Amino acid sequence: MGPLPHQVLLYVGEAPLRMEHEFRGRDLWFQYRLVDIRTLDGERLLESAEVGDNVIAILARLRDARQDVHRIVERIAGMARAQRETALRQVFILAG
């Protein structure tokens, strides 16, 4: 048998993370690592060539969120129309 997979639950929410690190049922038991997206380094996502990664960076920890969101929107502005509309919808959803 090869290496076993590691289970990670990525929490994306406004409220503080209060979930359990396991799920127990009658004949079932799962353990997983809990990660709040706000604890992740958004700078690494900003470095990605994928705009989707850049957009997700908005939810993570950024040094200067205002400037970084501006950079993301500038990058989106240079995309083809259909891609631009999709990416902007994603930014608007995250902006609430």
PDB file of N, CA and C in Angstrom:
ATOM      1  N   MET A   1       0.840  -1.166   0.000  1.00  0.00           N
ATOM      2  CA  MET A   1       0.000   0.000   0.000  1.00  0.00           C
ATOM      3  C   MET A   1       0.888   1.234   0.000  1.00  0.00           C
ATOM      4  N   GLY A   2       0.542   2.217  -0.820  1.00  0.00           N
ATOM      5  CA  GLY A   2       1.300   3.450  -0.914  1.00  0.00           C
ATOM      6  C   GLY A   2       0.947   4.416   0.202  1.00  0.00           C
ATOM      7  N   PRO A   3       1.461   5.610   0.095  1.00  0.00           N
ATOM      8  CA  PRO A   3       1.172   6.601   1.137  1.00  0.00           C
ATOM      9  C   PRO A   3      -0.316   6.955   1.165  1.00  0.00           C
ATOM     10  N   LEU A   4      -0.810   7.206   2.352  1.00  0.00           N
ATOM     11  CA  LEU A   4      -2.214   7.561   2.514  1.00  0.00           C
ATOM     12  C   LEU A   4      -2.411   9.052   2.232  1.00  0.00           C
ATOM     13  N   PRO A   5      -3.581   9.425   1.735  1.00  0.00           N
ATOM     14  CA  PRO A   5      -3.831  10.841   1.458  1.00  0.00           C
ATOM     15  C   PRO A   5      -4.006  11.624   2.759  1.00  0.00           C
ATOM     16  N   HIS A   6      -3.712  12.906   2.693  1.00  0.00           N
ATOM     17  CA  HIS A   6      -3.952  13.818   3.801  1.00  0.00           C
ATOM     18  C   HIS A   6      -5.222  14.596   3.484  1.00  0.00           C
ATOM     19  N   GLN A   7      -6.135  14.638   4.422  1.00  0.00           N
ATOM     20  CA  GLN A   7      -7.384  15.364   4.220  1.00  0.00           C
ATOM     21  C   GLN A   7      -7.263  16.743   4.853  1.00  0.00           C
ATOM     22  N   VAL A   8      -7.636  17.752   4.068  1.00  0.00           N
ATOM     23  CA  VAL A   8      -7.601  19.130   4.541  1.00  0.00           C
ATOM     24  C   VAL A   8      -8.945  19.762   4.232  1.00  0.00           C
ATOM     25  N   LEU A   9      -9.515  20.426   5.229  1.00  0.00           N
ATOM     26  CA  LEU A   9     -10.739  21.174   5.032  1.00  0.00           C
ATOM     27  C   LEU A   9     -10.349  22.649   5.015  1.00  0.00           C
ATOM     28  N   LEU A  10     -10.606  23.322   3.902  1.00  0.00           N
ATOM     29  CA  LEU A  10     -10.297  24.742   3.764  1.00  0.00           C
ATOM     30  C   LEU A  10     -11.551  25.533   4.104  1.00  0.00           C
ATOM     31  N   TYR A  11     -11.483  26.282   5.186  1.00  0.00           N
ATOM     32  CA  TYR A  11     -12.633  27.058   5.648  1.00  0.00           C
ATOM     33  C   TYR A  11     -12.626  28.430   4.990  1.00  0.00           C
ATOM     34  N   VAL A  12     -13.752  28.770   4.365  1.00  0.00           N
ATOM     35  CA  VAL A  12     -13.950  30.081   3.759  1.00  0.00           C
ATOM     36  C   VAL A  12     -15.257  30.614   4.328  1.00  0.00           C
ATOM     37  N   GLY A  13     -15.166  31.542   5.237  1.00  0.00           N
ATOM     38  CA  GLY A  13     -16.362  32.091   5.865  1.00  0.00           C
ATOM     39  C   GLY A  13     -16.025  33.349   6.640  1.00  0.00           C
ATOM     40  N   GLU A  14     -17.056  34.131   6.931  1.00  0.00           N
ATOM     41  CA  GLU A  14     -16.847  35.365   7.681  1.00  0.00           C
ATOM     42  C   GLU A  14     -16.671  35.102   9.172  1.00  0.00           C
ATOM     43  N   ALA A  15     -17.454  34.199   9.713  1.00  0.00           N
ATOM     44  CA  ALA A  15     -17.377  33.909  11.145  1.00  0.00           C
ATOM     45  C   ALA A  15     -16.059  33.210  11.466  1.00  0.00           C
ATOM     46  N   PRO A  16     -15.597  33.353  12.709  1.00  0.00           N
ATOM     47  CA  PRO A  16     -14.378  32.632  13.107  1.00  0.00           C
ATOM     48  C   PRO A  16     -14.560  31.121  12.941  1.00  0.00           C
ATOM     49  N   LEU A  17     -13.499  30.450  12.616  1.00  0.00           N
ATOM     50  CA  LEU A  17     -13.503  29.002  12.438  1.00  0.00           C
ATOM     51  C   LEU A  17     -13.765  28.328  13.787  1.00  0.00           C
ATOM     52  N   ARG A  18     -14.859  27.579  13.859  1.00  0.00           N
ATOM     53  CA  ARG A  18     -15.210  26.872  15.096  1.00  0.00           C
ATOM     54  C   ARG A  18     -15.566  25.413  14.821  1.00  0.00           C
ATOM     55  N   MET A  19     -15.247  24.931  13.671  1.00  0.00           N
ATOM     56  CA  MET A  19     -15.608  23.571  13.293  1.00  0.00           C
ATOM     57  C   MET A  19     -14.706  22.558  14.008  1.00  0.00           C
ATOM     58  N   GLU A  20     -15.190  21.355  14.102  1.00  0.00           N
ATOM     59  CA  GLU A  20     -14.404  20.254  14.662  1.00  0.00           C
ATOM     60  C   GLU A  20     -13.427  19.738  13.610  1.00  0.00           C
ATOM     61  N   HIS A  21     -12.340  19.158  14.047  1.00  0.00           N
ATOM     62  CA  HIS A  21     -11.342  18.608  13.135  1.00  0.00           C
ATOM     63  C   HIS A  21     -11.615  17.146  12.784  1.00  0.00           C
ATOM     64  N   GLU A  22     -12.824  16.694  13.120  1.00  0.00           N
ATOM     65  CA  GLU A  22     -13.183  15.328  12.797  1.00  0.00           C
ATOM     66  C   GLU A  22     -14.687  15.215  12.604  1.00  0.00           C
ATOM     67  N   PHE A  23     -15.075  14.147  11.944  1.00  0.00           N
ATOM     68  CA  PHE A  23     -16.477  13.825  11.739  1.00  0.00           C
ATOM     69  C   PHE A  23     -16.660  12.383  12.182  1.00  0.00           C
ATOM     70  N   ARG A  24     -17.551  12.185  13.122  1.00  0.00           N
ATOM     71  CA  ARG A  24     -17.796  10.833  13.624  1.00  0.00           C
ATOM     72  C   ARG A  24     -19.245  10.453  13.377  1.00  0.00           C
ATOM     73  N   GLY A  25     -19.402   9.292  12.807  1.00  0.00           N
ATOM     74  CA  GLY A  25     -20.721   8.716  12.599  1.00  0.00           C
ATOM     75  C   GLY A  25     -20.769   7.356  13.271  1.00  0.00           C
ATOM     76  N   ARG A  26     -21.857   6.668  13.076  1.00  0.00           N
ATOM     77  CA  ARG A  26     -22.035   5.367  13.723  1.00  0.00           C
ATOM     78  C   ARG A  26     -20.919   4.385  13.357  1.00  0.00           C
ATOM     79  N   ASP A  27     -20.645   4.241  12.076  1.00  0.00           N
ATOM     80  CA  ASP A  27     -19.595   3.321  11.614  1.00  0.00           C
ATOM     81  C   ASP A  27     -18.561   4.046  10.758  1.00  0.00           C
ATOM     82  N   LEU A  28     -18.385   5.323  11.028  1.00  0.00           N
ATOM     83  CA  LEU A  28     -17.534   6.149  10.178  1.00  0.00           C
ATOM     84  C   LEU A  28     -16.784   7.152  11.029  1.00  0.00           C
ATOM     85  N   TRP A  29     -15.506   7.385  10.702  1.00  0.00           N
ATOM     86  CA  TRP A  29     -14.729   8.379  11.429  1.00  0.00           C
ATOM     87  C   TRP A  29     -13.700   8.984  10.490  1.00  0.00           C
ATOM     88  N   PHE A  30     -13.778  10.296  10.315  1.00  0.00           N
ATOM     89  CA  PHE A  30     -12.819  11.020   9.485  1.00  0.00           C
ATOM     90  C   PHE A  30     -12.134  12.073  10.339  1.00  0.00           C
ATOM     91  N   GLN A  31     -10.839  12.194  10.177  1.00  0.00           N
ATOM     92  CA  GLN A  31     -10.095  13.296  10.766  1.00  0.00           C
ATOM     93  C   GLN A  31      -9.473  14.085   9.627  1.00  0.00           C
ATOM     94  N   TYR A  32      -9.371  15.382   9.815  1.00  0.00           N
ATOM     95  CA  TYR A  32      -8.799  16.232   8.778  1.00  0.00           C
ATOM     96  C   TYR A  32      -8.193  17.461   9.421  1.00  0.00           C
ATOM     97  N   ARG A  33      -7.282  18.039   8.692  1.00  0.00           N
ATOM     98  CA  ARG A  33      -6.658  19.283   9.134  1.00  0.00           C
ATOM     99  C   ARG A  33      -7.567  20.436   8.734  1.00  0.00           C
ATOM    100  N   LEU A  34      -7.818  21.347   9.638  1.00  0.00           N
ATOM    101  CA  LEU A  34      -8.625  22.526   9.352  1.00  0.00           C
ATOM    102  C   LEU A  34      -7.705  23.698   9.051  1.00  0.00           C
ATOM    103  N   VAL A  35      -7.991  24.401   7.954  1.00  0.00           N
ATOM    104  CA  VAL A  35      -7.208  25.575   7.582  1.00  0.00           C
ATOM    105  C   VAL A  35      -8.173  26.701   7.252  1.00  0.00           C
ATOM    106  N   ASP A  36      -8.031  27.808   7.943  1.00  0.00           N
ATOM    107  CA  ASP A  36      -8.814  29.007   7.648  1.00  0.00           C
ATOM    108  C   ASP A  36      -8.083  29.743   6.533  1.00  0.00           C
ATOM    109  N   ILE A  37      -8.771  30.038   5.444  1.00  0.00           N
ATOM    110  CA  ILE A  37      -8.122  30.659   4.293  1.00  0.00           C
ATOM    111  C   ILE A  37      -7.450  31.978   4.664  1.00  0.00           C
ATOM    112  N   ARG A  38      -7.947  32.639   5.699  1.00  0.00           N
ATOM    113  CA  ARG A  38      -7.354  33.915   6.127  1.00  0.00           C
ATOM    114  C   ARG A  38      -5.958  33.746   6.699  1.00  0.00           C
ATOM    115  N   THR A  39      -5.568  32.514   7.017  1.00  0.00           N
ATOM    116  CA  THR A  39      -4.224  32.278   7.551  1.00  0.00           C
ATOM    117  C   THR A  39      -3.220  31.963   6.443  1.00  0.00           C
ATOM    118  N   LEU A  40      -3.700  31.769   5.221  1.00  0.00           N
ATOM    119  CA  LEU A  40      -2.807  31.441   4.117  1.00  0.00           C
ATOM    120  C   LEU A  40      -2.167  32.701   3.540  1.00  0.00           C
ATOM    121  N   ASP A  41      -0.975  32.553   3.006  1.00  0.00           N
ATOM    122  CA  ASP A  41      -0.245  33.667   2.408  1.00  0.00           C
ATOM    123  C   ASP A  41      -0.811  33.964   1.022  1.00  0.00           C
ATOM    124  N   GLY A  42      -1.567  35.033   0.912  1.00  0.00           N
ATOM    125  CA  GLY A  42      -2.167  35.417  -0.360  1.00  0.00           C
ATOM    126  C   GLY A  42      -1.148  35.848  -1.397  1.00  0.00           C
ATOM    127  N   GLU A  43       0.032  36.248  -0.954  1.00  0.00           N
ATOM    128  CA  GLU A  43       1.068  36.700  -1.892  1.00  0.00           C
ATOM    129  C   GLU A  43       1.446  35.579  -2.864  1.00  0.00           C
ATOM    130  N   ARG A  44       1.479  34.360  -2.388  1.00  0.00           N
ATOM    131  CA  ARG A  44       1.814  33.233  -3.273  1.00  0.00           C
ATOM    132  C   ARG A  44       0.753  33.061  -4.350  1.00  0.00           C
ATOM    133  N   LEU A  45      -0.522  33.273  -3.979  1.00  0.00           N
ATOM    134  CA  LEU A  45      -1.602  33.175  -4.966  1.00  0.00           C
ATOM    135  C   LEU A  45      -1.526  34.327  -5.963  1.00  0.00           C
ATOM    136  N   LEU A  46      -1.080  35.488  -5.526  1.00  0.00           N
ATOM    137  CA  LEU A  46      -0.929  36.633  -6.428  1.00  0.00           C
ATOM    138  C   LEU A  46       0.173  36.400  -7.457  1.00  0.00           C
ATOM    139  N   GLU A  47       1.156  35.599  -7.113  1.00  0.00           N
ATOM    140  CA  GLU A  47       2.265  35.307  -8.022  1.00  0.00           C
ATOM    141  C   GLU A  47       1.865  34.342  -9.132  1.00  0.00           C
ATOM    142  N   SER A  48       0.757  33.662  -8.968  1.00  0.00           N
ATOM    143  CA  SER A  48       0.310  32.674  -9.948  1.00  0.00           C
ATOM    144  C   SER A  48      -0.055  33.339 -11.274  1.00  0.00           C
ATOM    145  N   ALA A  49       0.153  32.615 -12.346  1.00  0.00           N
ATOM    146  CA  ALA A  49      -0.248  33.100 -13.676  1.00  0.00           C
ATOM    147  C   ALA A  49      -1.742  32.925 -13.908  1.00  0.00           C
ATOM    148  N   GLU A  50      -2.425  32.183 -13.018  1.00  0.00           N
ATOM    149  CA  GLU A  50      -3.856  31.936 -13.151  1.00  0.00           C
ATOM    150  C   GLU A  50      -4.647  33.032 -12.442  1.00  0.00           C
ATOM    151  N   VAL A  51      -5.516  33.714 -13.161  1.00  0.00           N
ATOM    152  CA  VAL A  51      -6.309  34.794 -12.570  1.00  0.00           C
ATOM    153  C   VAL A  51      -7.210  34.258 -11.461  1.00  0.00           C
ATOM    154  N   GLY A  52      -7.708  33.043 -11.594  1.00  0.00           N
ATOM    155  CA  GLY A  52      -8.532  32.455 -10.547  1.00  0.00           C
ATOM    156  C   GLY A  52      -7.790  32.377  -9.222  1.00  0.00           C
ATOM    157  N   ASP A  53      -6.510  32.038  -9.270  1.00  0.00           N
ATOM    158  CA  ASP A  53      -5.696  32.020  -8.057  1.00  0.00           C
ATOM    159  C   ASP A  53      -5.572  33.432  -7.489  1.00  0.00           C
ATOM    160  N   ASN A  54      -5.369  34.402  -8.375  1.00  0.00           N
ATOM    161  CA  ASN A  54      -5.257  35.798  -7.942  1.00  0.00           C
ATOM    162  C   ASN A  54      -6.527  36.247  -7.241  1.00  0.00           C
ATOM    163  N   VAL A  55      -7.681  35.877  -7.787  1.00  0.00           N
ATOM    164  CA  VAL A  55      -8.966  36.267  -7.197  1.00  0.00           C
ATOM    165  C   VAL A  55      -9.133  35.630  -5.819  1.00  0.00           C
ATOM    166  N   ILE A  56      -8.778  34.369  -5.676  1.00  0.00           N
ATOM    167  CA  ILE A  56      -8.883  33.692  -4.385  1.00  0.00           C
ATOM    168  C   ILE A  56      -7.968  34.332  -3.351  1.00  0.00           C
ATOM    169  N   ALA A  57      -6.880  34.936  -3.804  1.00  0.00           N
ATOM    170  CA  ALA A  57      -5.950  35.608  -2.889  1.00  0.00           C
ATOM    171  C   ALA A  57      -6.650  36.685  -2.069  1.00  0.00           C
ATOM    172  N   ILE A  58      -7.733  37.239  -2.593  1.00  0.00           N
ATOM    173  CA  ILE A  58      -8.485  38.273  -1.874  1.00  0.00           C
ATOM    174  C   ILE A  58      -8.962  37.750  -0.522  1.00  0.00           C
ATOM    175  N   LEU A  59      -9.249  36.462  -0.442  1.00  0.00           N
ATOM    176  CA  LEU A  59      -9.731  35.865   0.795  1.00  0.00           C
ATOM    177  C   LEU A  59      -8.610  35.542   1.777  1.00  0.00           C
ATOM    178  N   ALA A  60      -7.391  35.474   1.283  1.00  0.00           N
ATOM    179  CA  ALA A  60      -6.255  35.087   2.114  1.00  0.00           C
ATOM    180  C   ALA A  60      -5.616  36.327   2.754  1.00  0.00           C
ATOM    181  N   ARG A  61      -4.497  36.131   3.382  1.00  0.00           N
ATOM    182  CA  ARG A  61      -3.777  37.209   4.060  1.00  0.00           C
ATOM    183  C   ARG A  61      -2.920  37.957   3.038  1.00  0.00           C
ATOM    184  N   LEU A  62      -3.143  39.263   2.937  1.00  0.00           N
ATOM    185  CA  LEU A  62      -2.393  40.110   2.016  1.00  0.00           C
ATOM    186  C   LEU A  62      -1.744  41.254   2.787  1.00  0.00           C
ATOM    187  N   ARG A  63      -0.591  41.705   2.316  1.00  0.00           N
ATOM    188  CA  ARG A  63       0.085  42.824   2.978  1.00  0.00           C
ATOM    189  C   ARG A  63      -0.675  44.128   2.764  1.00  0.00           C
ATOM    190  N   ASP A  64      -1.126  44.355   1.534  1.00  0.00           N
ATOM    191  CA  ASP A  64      -1.849  45.583   1.202  1.00  0.00           C
ATOM    192  C   ASP A  64      -3.037  45.203   0.325  1.00  0.00           C
ATOM    193  N   ALA A  65      -4.144  44.836   0.954  1.00  0.00           N
ATOM    194  CA  ALA A  65      -5.303  44.305   0.229  1.00  0.00           C
ATOM    195  C   ALA A  65      -5.813  45.288  -0.817  1.00  0.00           C
ATOM    196  N   ARG A  66      -5.865  46.566  -0.489  1.00  0.00           N
ATOM    197  CA  ARG A  66      -6.384  47.558  -1.439  1.00  0.00           C
ATOM    198  C   ARG A  66      -5.533  47.588  -2.713  1.00  0.00           C
ATOM    199  N   GLN A  67      -4.238  47.658  -2.556  1.00  0.00           N
ATOM    200  CA  GLN A  67      -3.326  47.682  -3.703  1.00  0.00           C
ATOM    201  C   GLN A  67      -3.380  46.363  -4.475  1.00  0.00           C
ATOM    202  N   ASP A  68      -3.439  45.254  -3.762  1.00  0.00           N
ATOM    203  CA  ASP A  68      -3.451  43.954  -4.422  1.00  0.00           C
ATOM    204  C   ASP A  68      -4.738  43.730  -5.214  1.00  0.00           C
ATOM    205  N   VAL A  69      -5.879  44.155  -4.672  1.00  0.00           N
ATOM    206  CA  VAL A  69      -7.137  44.042  -5.415  1.00  0.00           C
ATOM    207  C   VAL A  69      -7.067  44.907  -6.669  1.00  0.00           C
ATOM    208  N   HIS A  70      -6.471  46.075  -6.551  1.00  0.00           N
ATOM    209  CA  HIS A  70      -6.302  46.949  -7.722  1.00  0.00           C
ATOM    210  C   HIS A  70      -5.469  46.236  -8.796  1.00  0.00           C
ATOM    211  N   ARG A  71      -4.385  45.580  -8.389  1.00  0.00           N
ATOM    212  CA  ARG A  71      -3.546  44.826  -9.335  1.00  0.00           C
ATOM    213  C   ARG A  71      -4.339  43.711 -10.006  1.00  0.00           C
ATOM    214  N   ILE A  72      -5.170  43.021  -9.235  1.00  0.00           N
ATOM    215  CA  ILE A  72      -5.974  41.925  -9.784  1.00  0.00           C
ATOM    216  C   ILE A  72      -6.956  42.466 -10.818  1.00  0.00           C
ATOM    217  N   VAL A  73      -7.635  43.560 -10.492  1.00  0.00           N
ATOM    218  CA  VAL A  73      -8.610  44.145 -11.415  1.00  0.00           C
ATOM    219  C   VAL A  73      -7.917  44.636 -12.684  1.00  0.00           C
ATOM    220  N   GLU A  74      -6.730  45.195 -12.562  1.00  0.00           N
ATOM    221  CA  GLU A  74      -5.970  45.610 -13.756  1.00  0.00           C
ATOM    222  C   GLU A  74      -5.655  44.409 -14.634  1.00  0.00           C
ATOM    223  N   ARG A  75      -5.270  43.333 -14.016  1.00  0.00           N
ATOM    224  CA  ARG A  75      -4.959  42.118 -14.784  1.00  0.00           C
ATOM    225  C   ARG A  75      -6.213  41.600 -15.491  1.00  0.00           C
ATOM    226  N   ILE A  76      -7.339  41.616 -14.786  1.00  0.00           N
ATOM    227  CA  ILE A  76      -8.599  41.167 -15.375  1.00  0.00           C
ATOM    228  C   ILE A  76      -8.988  42.052 -16.549  1.00  0.00           C
ATOM    229  N   ALA A  77      -8.727  43.348 -16.437  1.00  0.00           N
ATOM    230  CA  ALA A  77      -9.095  44.292 -17.499  1.00  0.00           C
ATOM    231  C   ALA A  77      -8.417  43.954 -18.828  1.00  0.00           C
ATOM    232  N   GLY A  78      -7.272  43.305 -18.769  1.00  0.00           N
ATOM    233  CA  GLY A  78      -6.552  42.943 -19.983  1.00  0.00           C
ATOM    234  C   GLY A  78      -6.972  41.620 -20.600  1.00  0.00           C
ATOM    235  N   MET A  79      -7.963  40.980 -20.033  1.00  0.00           N
ATOM    236  CA  MET A  79      -8.398  39.674 -20.525  1.00  0.00           C
ATOM    237  C   MET A  79      -9.439  39.821 -21.632  1.00  0.00           C
ATOM    238  N   ALA A  80      -9.657  38.734 -22.355  1.00  0.00           N
ATOM    239  CA  ALA A  80     -10.726  38.696 -23.356  1.00  0.00           C
ATOM    240  C   ALA A  80     -12.064  38.893 -22.647  1.00  0.00           C
ATOM    241  N   ARG A  81     -13.053  39.417 -23.365  1.00  0.00           N
ATOM    242  CA  ARG A  81     -14.321  39.827 -22.758  1.00  0.00           C
ATOM    243  C   ARG A  81     -14.996  38.735 -21.924  1.00  0.00           C
ATOM    244  N   ALA A  82     -15.156  37.554 -22.487  1.00  0.00           N
ATOM    245  CA  ALA A  82     -15.860  36.477 -21.764  1.00  0.00           C
ATOM    246  C   ALA A  82     -15.119  36.108 -20.479  1.00  0.00           C
ATOM    247  N   GLN A  83     -13.802  35.986 -20.566  1.00  0.00           N
ATOM    248  CA  GLN A  83     -13.002  35.660 -19.384  1.00  0.00           C
ATOM    249  C   GLN A  83     -13.063  36.798 -18.371  1.00  0.00           C
ATOM    250  N   ARG A  84     -13.026  38.020 -18.876  1.00  0.00           N
ATOM    251  CA  ARG A  84     -13.067  39.198 -18.015  1.00  0.00           C
ATOM    252  C   ARG A  84     -14.366  39.233 -17.216  1.00  0.00           C
ATOM    253  N   GLU A  85     -15.484  38.977 -17.889  1.00  0.00           N
ATOM    254  CA  GLU A  85     -16.779  39.005 -17.205  1.00  0.00           C
ATOM    255  C   GLU A  85     -16.857  37.949 -16.112  1.00  0.00           C
ATOM    256  N   THR A  86     -16.351  36.761 -16.400  1.00  0.00           N
ATOM    257  CA  THR A  86     -16.358  35.689 -15.402  1.00  0.00           C
ATOM    258  C   THR A  86     -15.501  36.072 -14.200  1.00  0.00           C
ATOM    259  N   ALA A  87     -14.297  36.562 -14.452  1.00  0.00           N
ATOM    260  CA  ALA A  87     -13.386  36.930 -13.360  1.00  0.00           C
ATOM    261  C   ALA A  87     -13.956  38.084 -12.542  1.00  0.00           C
ATOM    262  N   LEU A  88     -14.564  39.060 -13.199  1.00  0.00           N
ATOM    263  CA  LEU A  88     -15.141  40.180 -12.460  1.00  0.00           C
ATOM    264  C   LEU A  88     -16.324  39.738 -11.607  1.00  0.00           C
ATOM    265  N   ARG A  89     -17.120  38.798 -12.110  1.00  0.00           N
ATOM    266  CA  ARG A  89     -18.217  38.256 -11.296  1.00  0.00           C
ATOM    267  C   ARG A  89     -17.679  37.612 -10.031  1.00  0.00           C
ATOM    268  N   GLN A  90     -16.556  36.897 -10.178  1.00  0.00           N
ATOM    269  CA  GLN A  90     -15.954  36.250  -9.020  1.00  0.00           C
ATOM    270  C   GLN A  90     -15.469  37.294  -7.995  1.00  0.00           C
ATOM    271  N   VAL A  91     -14.862  38.365  -8.497  1.00  0.00           N
ATOM    272  CA  VAL A  91     -14.398  39.426  -7.596  1.00  0.00           C
ATOM    273  C   VAL A  91     -15.596  40.067  -6.895  1.00  0.00           C
ATOM    274  N   PHE A  92     -16.668  40.320  -7.620  1.00  0.00           N
ATOM    275  CA  PHE A  92     -17.855  40.936  -7.022  1.00  0.00           C
ATOM    276  C   PHE A  92     -18.469  40.037  -5.949  1.00  0.00           C
ATOM    277  N   ILE A  93     -18.480  38.747  -6.194  1.00  0.00           N
ATOM    278  CA  ILE A  93     -19.012  37.801  -5.201  1.00  0.00           C
ATOM    279  C   ILE A  93     -18.179  37.879  -3.932  1.00  0.00           C
ATOM    280  N   LEU A  94     -16.865  37.890  -4.089  1.00  0.00           N
ATOM    281  CA  LEU A  94     -15.989  37.944  -2.914  1.00  0.00           C
ATOM    282  C   LEU A  94     -16.083  39.279  -2.200  1.00  0.00           C
ATOM    283  N   ALA A  95     -16.373  40.334  -2.953  1.00  0.00           N
ATOM    284  CA  ALA A  95     -16.481  41.665  -2.361  1.00  0.00           C
ATOM    285  C   ALA A  95     -17.794  41.822  -1.589  1.00  0.00           C
ATOM    286  N   GLY A  96     -18.747  40.931  -1.836  1.00  0.00           N
ATOM    287  CA  GLY A  96     -20.014  40.995  -1.138  1.00  0.00           C
ATOM    288  C   GLY A  96     -20.901  42.090  -1.697  1.00  0.00           C
TER     289      GLY A  96
END
